[in-house]
Amino acid sequence: MFPTKEDERTGTEVLIETFIRKQLRLKAHTVTKVEETDECMRVHIDRLGRRLLRCGVCRQRCRQVHDVRKRREWRDLSMRKLPLKLLYRPRRVECPRCGVRVEDFPWAQAWARVTTALANAVGVLARELSWQGTAREYGLNWKSVATIVKRAVKYGLKHRARPPVHAIGIDEVSRRKGQVYLTVGLRSGTAPAAVGGR
């Protein structure tokens, strides 16, 4: 049994809808209903009043909604040992910069079928386990795990911080008899960074 509104007023318990809304960091959306079945927990999300939605490309707030698309489903981290599925009908917004685009979802990346929280958890576990083991742990297909890992690697490569180079050492080493040399470039205090020829 879920807590009632009276329990929420006392401050001792929180409604499941409120808990999920805060976990997903919803500002322009709200949780309208939570259904618990034998195989999963279904969370219905809808737009909150006439709050402004963000463009899915540039993330600018948009005043106009172009249309409402068919319902989509996202997989989230399990709750009470039940898979959590988010259900929402995305809006296409009229962005002044980009034109008509699908809105930005605060709980997932564009075109993803899993939430950001689940993708992060899968990415961390996939470093320790095989993709099939990770898929079994979260109840996903191994291809979904592969897609999540590829997105995580792409994001990591794009946002990694490269330390500045303060000193470079260059040396030439003779490879064979004659005039055949190998040029070795070293960043100060590290393994060979670049190897060139002749």
C-alpha atoms as a PDB file:
ATOM      1  CA  MET A   1       0.000   0.000   0.000  1.00  0.00           C
ATOM      2  CA  PHE A   2       1.291   3.445  -0.934  1.00  0.00           C
ATOM      3  CA  PRO A   3       1.301   6.385   1.498  1.00  0.00           C
ATOM      4  CA  THR A   4      -1.693   8.714   1.466  1.00  0.00           C
ATOM      5  CA  LYS A   5      -1.812  12.528   1.286  1.00  0.00           C
ATOM      6  CA  GLU A   6      -2.343  12.623   5.081  1.00  0.00           C
ATOM      7  CA  ASP A   7       0.945  10.776   5.597  1.00  0.00           C
ATOM      8  CA  GLU A   8       2.694  13.270   3.319  1.00  0.00           C
ATOM      9  CA  ARG A   9       1.485  16.218   5.418  1.00  0.00           C
ATOM     10  CA  THR A  10       2.956  14.737   8.589  1.00  0.00           C
ATOM     11  CA  GLY A  11       6.388  14.630   6.924  1.00  0.00           C
ATOM     12  CA  THR A  12       7.051  11.012   7.871  1.00  0.00           C
ATOM     13  CA  GLU A  13       6.229   9.431   4.511  1.00  0.00           C
ATOM     14  CA  VAL A  14       6.362  10.509   0.888  1.00  0.00           C
ATOM     15  CA  LEU A  15       4.031   9.600  -1.946  1.00  0.00           C
ATOM     16  CA  ILE A  16       5.623   7.278  -4.497  1.00  0.00           C
ATOM     17  CA  GLU A  17       4.723   9.804  -7.222  1.00  0.00           C
ATOM     18  CA  THR A  18       6.595  12.556  -5.367  1.00  0.00           C
ATOM     19  CA  PHE A  19       9.598  10.305  -4.795  1.00  0.00           C
ATOM     20  CA  ILE A  20       9.851   9.376  -8.485  1.00  0.00           C
ATOM     21  CA  ARG A  21       9.312  12.998  -9.588  1.00  0.00           C
ATOM     22  CA  LYS A  22      12.180  14.159  -7.381  1.00  0.00           C
ATOM     23  CA  GLN A  23      14.471  11.307  -8.458  1.00  0.00           C
ATOM     24  CA  LEU A  24      13.886  12.118 -12.137  1.00  0.00           C
ATOM     25  CA  ARG A  25      14.280  15.876 -11.426  1.00  0.00           C
ATOM     26  CA  LEU A  26      11.059  16.751 -13.223  1.00  0.00           C
ATOM     27  CA  LYS A  27      10.274  20.461 -13.441  1.00  0.00           C
ATOM     28  CA  ALA A  28       8.042  20.826 -16.506  1.00  0.00           C
ATOM     29  CA  HIS A  29       6.572  17.329 -16.067  1.00  0.00           C
ATOM     30  CA  THR A  30       4.752  15.459 -13.327  1.00  0.00           C
ATOM     31  CA  VAL A  31       4.009  11.860 -12.393  1.00  0.00           C
ATOM     32  CA  THR A  32       0.277  11.334 -12.880  1.00  0.00           C
ATOM     33  CA  LYS A  33      -0.090   7.679 -11.955  1.00  0.00           C
ATOM     34  CA  VAL A  34       1.941   4.675 -10.790  1.00  0.00           C
ATOM     35  CA  GLU A  35       0.645   1.179 -11.563  1.00  0.00           C
ATOM     36  CA  GLU A  36       2.162  -1.906 -10.009  1.00  0.00           C
ATOM     37  CA  THR A  37       1.735  -5.205 -11.865  1.00  0.00           C
ATOM     38  CA  ASP A  38       3.296  -8.615 -11.334  1.00  0.00           C
ATOM     39  CA  GLU A  39       6.025  -8.021 -13.919  1.00  0.00           C
ATOM     40  CA  CYS A  40       6.774  -4.263 -13.671  1.00  0.00           C
ATOM     41  CA  MET A  41       5.915  -0.884 -12.191  1.00  0.00           C
ATOM     42  CA  ARG A  42       4.535   1.573 -14.777  1.00  0.00           C
ATOM     43  CA  VAL A  43       4.986   5.303 -14.179  1.00  0.00           C
ATOM     44  CA  HIS A  44       2.799   7.628 -16.244  1.00  0.00           C
ATOM     45  CA  ILE A  45       4.327  11.070 -16.861  1.00  0.00           C
ATOM     46  CA  ASP A  46       2.599  14.128 -18.322  1.00  0.00           C
ATOM     47  CA  ARG A  47       3.347  17.790 -18.906  1.00  0.00           C
ATOM     48  CA  LEU A  48       2.803  19.956 -15.852  1.00  0.00           C
ATOM     49  CA  GLY A  49       0.202  22.583 -16.729  1.00  0.00           C
ATOM     50  CA  ARG A  50       1.487  24.949 -19.392  1.00  0.00           C
ATOM     51  CA  ARG A  51       5.122  24.920 -18.313  1.00  0.00           C
ATOM     52  CA  LEU A  52       7.644  25.694 -21.033  1.00  0.00           C
ATOM     53  CA  LEU A  53       9.371  22.682 -22.564  1.00  0.00           C
ATOM     54  CA  ARG A  54      12.947  22.662 -23.873  1.00  0.00           C
ATOM     55  CA  CYS A  55      14.114  22.010 -27.434  1.00  0.00           C
ATOM     56  CA  GLY A  56      15.778  18.601 -27.797  1.00  0.00           C
ATOM     57  CA  VAL A  57      18.627  20.075 -29.867  1.00  0.00           C
ATOM     58  CA  CYS A  58      19.616  23.443 -28.344  1.00  0.00           C
ATOM     59  CA  ARG A  59      17.768  23.074 -24.986  1.00  0.00           C
ATOM     60  CA  GLN A  60      16.209  26.545 -25.347  1.00  0.00           C
ATOM     61  CA  ARG A  61      12.776  27.002 -23.739  1.00  0.00           C
ATOM     62  CA  CYS A  62       9.970  26.979 -26.285  1.00  0.00           C
ATOM     63  CA  ARG A  63       6.580  28.663 -25.951  1.00  0.00           C
ATOM     64  CA  GLN A  64       4.684  26.706 -28.619  1.00  0.00           C
ATOM     65  CA  VAL A  65       3.895  22.992 -28.744  1.00  0.00           C
ATOM     66  CA  HIS A  66       3.530  21.793 -32.338  1.00  0.00           C
ATOM     67  CA  ASP A  67       1.913  18.411 -31.632  1.00  0.00           C
ATOM     68  CA  VAL A  68       1.833  15.419 -29.316  1.00  0.00           C
ATOM     69  CA  ARG A  69       3.463  12.173 -30.485  1.00  0.00           C
ATOM     70  CA  LYS A  70       2.508   8.581 -29.682  1.00  0.00           C
ATOM     71  CA  ARG A  71       3.403   7.177 -26.268  1.00  0.00           C
ATOM     72  CA  ARG A  72       7.001   6.101 -25.684  1.00  0.00           C
ATOM     73  CA  GLU A  73       8.440   3.851 -23.006  1.00  0.00           C
ATOM     74  CA  TRP A  74      11.754   4.113 -21.135  1.00  0.00           C
ATOM     75  CA  ARG A  75      13.293   1.532 -18.820  1.00  0.00           C
ATOM     76  CA  ASP A  76      14.580   2.819 -15.462  1.00  0.00           C
ATOM     77  CA  LEU A  77      16.341   1.306 -12.455  1.00  0.00           C
ATOM     78  CA  SER A  78      14.256  -1.298 -10.653  1.00  0.00           C
ATOM     79  CA  MET A  79      12.197  -0.360  -7.628  1.00  0.00           C
ATOM     80  CA  ARG A  80      11.150  -2.948  -5.056  1.00  0.00           C
ATOM     81  CA  LYS A  81      12.643  -5.667  -7.307  1.00  0.00           C
ATOM     82  CA  LEU A  82      10.283  -4.652 -10.119  1.00  0.00           C
ATOM     83  CA  PRO A  83      11.487  -3.130 -13.401  1.00  0.00           C
ATOM     84  CA  LEU A  84      10.382   0.492 -13.624  1.00  0.00           C
ATOM     85  CA  LYS A  85       8.956   1.696 -16.935  1.00  0.00           C
ATOM     86  CA  LEU A  86       8.299   5.354 -17.680  1.00  0.00           C
ATOM     87  CA  LEU A  87       5.429   6.119 -20.079  1.00  0.00           C
ATOM     88  CA  TYR A  88       5.117   9.527 -21.742  1.00  0.00           C
ATOM     89  CA  ARG A  89       3.700  11.089 -24.907  1.00  0.00           C
ATOM     90  CA  PRO A  90       6.489  13.394 -26.170  1.00  0.00           C
ATOM     91  CA  ARG A  91       5.676  16.810 -27.549  1.00  0.00           C
ATOM     92  CA  ARG A  92       7.227  18.407 -30.600  1.00  0.00           C
ATOM     93  CA  VAL A  93       8.006  22.029 -29.840  1.00  0.00           C
ATOM     94  CA  GLU A  94       8.464  25.011 -32.150  1.00  0.00           C
ATOM     95  CA  CYS A  95      11.971  26.237 -31.379  1.00  0.00           C
ATOM     96  CA  PRO A  96      12.882  29.739 -32.646  1.00  0.00           C
ATOM     97  CA  ARG A  97      16.406  28.495 -33.493  1.00  0.00           C
ATOM     98  CA  CYS A  98      15.915  24.902 -34.676  1.00  0.00           C
ATOM     99  CA  GLY A  99      12.331  24.788 -35.962  1.00  0.00           C
ATOM    100  CA  VAL A 100      10.007  21.922 -35.009  1.00  0.00           C
ATOM    101  CA  ARG A 101      11.898  19.436 -32.792  1.00  0.00           C
ATOM    102  CA  VAL A 102      11.068  16.777 -30.207  1.00  0.00           C
ATOM    103  CA  GLU A 103      11.360  18.149 -26.681  1.00  0.00           C
ATOM    104  CA  ASP A 104      14.283  17.431 -24.376  1.00  0.00           C
ATOM    105  CA  PHE A 105      13.655  14.724 -21.758  1.00  0.00           C
ATOM    106  CA  PRO A 106      15.228  15.377 -18.339  1.00  0.00           C
ATOM    107  CA  TRP A 107      15.321  11.635 -17.590  1.00  0.00           C
ATOM    108  CA  ALA A 108      16.971  10.320 -20.790  1.00  0.00           C
ATOM    109  CA  GLN A 109      19.131  11.197 -23.765  1.00  0.00           C
ATOM    110  CA  ALA A 110      17.591  11.714 -27.171  1.00  0.00           C
ATOM    111  CA  TRP A 111      16.549   8.434 -28.860  1.00  0.00           C
ATOM    112  CA  ALA A 112      17.550   6.376 -25.801  1.00  0.00           C
ATOM    113  CA  ARG A 113      15.176   3.674 -24.574  1.00  0.00           C
ATOM    114  CA  VAL A 114      16.662   3.660 -21.063  1.00  0.00           C
ATOM    115  CA  THR A 115      16.953   6.481 -18.545  1.00  0.00           C
ATOM    116  CA  THR A 116      20.229   8.234 -17.805  1.00  0.00           C
ATOM    117  CA  ALA A 117      20.314   6.675 -14.319  1.00  0.00           C
ATOM    118  CA  LEU A 118      20.027   3.145 -15.736  1.00  0.00           C
ATOM    119  CA  ALA A 119      22.587   3.907 -18.464  1.00  0.00           C
ATOM    120  CA  ASN A 120      25.070   5.139 -15.834  1.00  0.00           C
ATOM    121  CA  ALA A 121      24.534   2.046 -13.671  1.00  0.00           C
ATOM    122  CA  VAL A 122      24.948  -0.261 -16.678  1.00  0.00           C
ATOM    123  CA  GLY A 123      28.110   1.586 -17.734  1.00  0.00           C
ATOM    124  CA  VAL A 124      29.678   1.174 -14.288  1.00  0.00           C
ATOM    125  CA  LEU A 125      28.793  -2.530 -14.017  1.00  0.00           C
ATOM    126  CA  ALA A 126      29.903  -3.251 -17.601  1.00  0.00           C
ATOM    127  CA  ARG A 127      33.440  -2.292 -16.563  1.00  0.00           C
ATOM    128  CA  GLU A 128      33.475  -5.220 -14.125  1.00  0.00           C
ATOM    129  CA  LEU A 129      31.274  -7.830 -15.824  1.00  0.00           C
ATOM    130  CA  SER A 130      30.771  -9.066 -19.355  1.00  0.00           C
ATOM    131  CA  TRP A 131      28.006  -7.468 -21.409  1.00  0.00           C
ATOM    132  CA  GLN A 132      25.880 -10.609 -21.040  1.00  0.00           C
ATOM    133  CA  GLY A 133      26.384 -10.607 -17.251  1.00  0.00           C
ATOM    134  CA  THR A 134      25.439  -6.951 -17.065  1.00  0.00           C
ATOM    135  CA  ALA A 135      22.389  -7.591 -19.248  1.00  0.00           C
ATOM    136  CA  ARG A 136      21.257 -10.417 -16.928  1.00  0.00           C
ATOM    137  CA  GLU A 137      21.724  -8.221 -13.851  1.00  0.00           C
ATOM    138  CA  TYR A 138      19.492  -5.424 -15.199  1.00  0.00           C
ATOM    139  CA  GLY A 139      17.106  -7.546 -17.275  1.00  0.00           C
ATOM    140  CA  LEU A 140      18.222  -6.054 -20.587  1.00  0.00           C
ATOM    141  CA  ASN A 141      19.297  -7.427 -23.944  1.00  0.00           C
ATOM    142  CA  TRP A 142      23.086  -7.622 -24.457  1.00  0.00           C
ATOM    143  CA  LYS A 143      22.689  -5.404 -27.541  1.00  0.00           C
ATOM    144  CA  SER A 144      21.149  -2.711 -25.327  1.00  0.00           C
ATOM    145  CA  VAL A 145      24.154  -2.989 -23.009  1.00  0.00           C
ATOM    146  CA  ALA A 146      26.506  -2.695 -26.006  1.00  0.00           C
ATOM    147  CA  THR A 147      24.704   0.452 -27.191  1.00  0.00           C
ATOM    148  CA  ILE A 148      24.837   1.976 -23.708  1.00  0.00           C
ATOM    149  CA  VAL A 149      28.571   1.224 -23.388  1.00  0.00           C
ATOM    150  CA  LYS A 150      29.298   2.711 -26.833  1.00  0.00           C
ATOM    151  CA  ARG A 151      27.438   5.905 -25.887  1.00  0.00           C
ATOM    152  CA  ALA A 152      29.311   6.082 -22.582  1.00  0.00           C
ATOM    153  CA  VAL A 153      32.692   5.659 -24.299  1.00  0.00           C
ATOM    154  CA  LYS A 154      31.799   8.289 -26.907  1.00  0.00           C
ATOM    155  CA  TYR A 155      30.732  10.712 -24.145  1.00  0.00           C
ATOM    156  CA  GLY A 156      33.903   9.974 -22.140  1.00  0.00           C
ATOM    157  CA  LEU A 157      36.196  10.566 -25.109  1.00  0.00           C
ATOM    158  CA  LYS A 158      34.427  13.812 -25.947  1.00  0.00           C
ATOM    159  CA  HIS A 159      34.600  15.169 -22.383  1.00  0.00           C
ATOM    160  CA  ARG A 160      37.922  13.820 -21.138  1.00  0.00           C
ATOM    161  CA  ALA A 161      40.396  16.298 -19.779  1.00  0.00           C
ATOM    162  CA  ARG A 162      43.833  16.115 -21.347  1.00  0.00           C
ATOM    163  CA  PRO A 163      46.600  17.394 -19.105  1.00  0.00           C
ATOM    164  CA  PRO A 164      48.734  20.160 -20.628  1.00  0.00           C
ATOM    165  CA  VAL A 165      52.129  19.174 -22.032  1.00  0.00           C
ATOM    166  CA  HIS A 166      54.927  20.945 -20.152  1.00  0.00           C
ATOM    167  CA  ALA A 167      57.991  19.190 -21.544  1.00  0.00           C
ATOM    168  CA  ILE A 168      58.687  16.958 -24.527  1.00  0.00           C
ATOM    169  CA  GLY A 169      61.752  14.791 -25.076  1.00  0.00           C
ATOM    170  CA  ILE A 170      62.782  13.684 -28.568  1.00  0.00           C
ATOM    171  CA  ASP A 171      65.457  11.108 -29.350  1.00  0.00           C
ATOM    172  CA  GLU A 172      66.595   9.139 -32.366  1.00  0.00           C
ATOM    173  CA  VAL A 173      67.456   5.474 -32.144  1.00  0.00           C
ATOM    174  CA  SER A 174      69.268   3.452 -34.812  1.00  0.00           C
ATOM    175  CA  ARG A 175      67.063   0.618 -36.051  1.00  0.00           C
ATOM    176  CA  ARG A 176      69.523  -1.208 -38.321  1.00  0.00           C
ATOM    177  CA  LYS A 177      72.911  -0.766 -39.831  1.00  0.00           C
ATOM    178  CA  GLY A 178      73.077   2.165 -42.131  1.00  0.00           C
ATOM    179  CA  GLN A 179      71.064   5.348 -42.063  1.00  0.00           C
ATOM    180  CA  VAL A 180      67.776   3.927 -40.671  1.00  0.00           C
ATOM    181  CA  TYR A 181      66.630   5.785 -37.546  1.00  0.00           C
ATOM    182  CA  LEU A 182      63.538   5.750 -35.408  1.00  0.00           C
ATOM    183  CA  THR A 183      62.379   9.003 -33.796  1.00  0.00           C
ATOM    184  CA  VAL A 184      60.833   8.598 -30.349  1.00  0.00           C
ATOM    185  CA  GLY A 185      58.764  11.386 -28.758  1.00  0.00           C
ATOM    186  CA  LEU A 186      58.199  11.354 -24.993  1.00  0.00           C
ATOM    187  CA  ARG A 187      56.050  13.481 -22.787  1.00  0.00           C
ATOM    188  CA  SER A 188      58.000  14.218 -19.634  1.00  0.00           C
ATOM    189  CA  GLY A 189      57.626  11.343 -17.148  1.00  0.00           C
ATOM    190  CA  THR A 190      55.445   9.064 -19.314  1.00  0.00           C
ATOM    191  CA  ALA A 191      55.675   6.167 -21.726  1.00  0.00           C
ATOM    192  CA  PRO A 192      56.342   6.870 -25.441  1.00  0.00           C
ATOM    193  CA  ALA A 193      53.598   9.101 -26.798  1.00  0.00           C
ATOM    194  CA  ALA A 194      54.507   9.118 -30.475  1.00  0.00           C
ATOM    195  CA  VAL A 195      56.808   6.996 -32.586  1.00  0.00           C
ATOM    196  CA  GLY A 196      57.845   8.162 -36.006  1.00  0.00           C
ATOM    197  CA  GLY A 197      60.163   6.861 -38.672  1.00  0.00           C
ATOM    198  CA  ARG A 198      63.254   7.952 -40.572  1.00  0.00           C
END
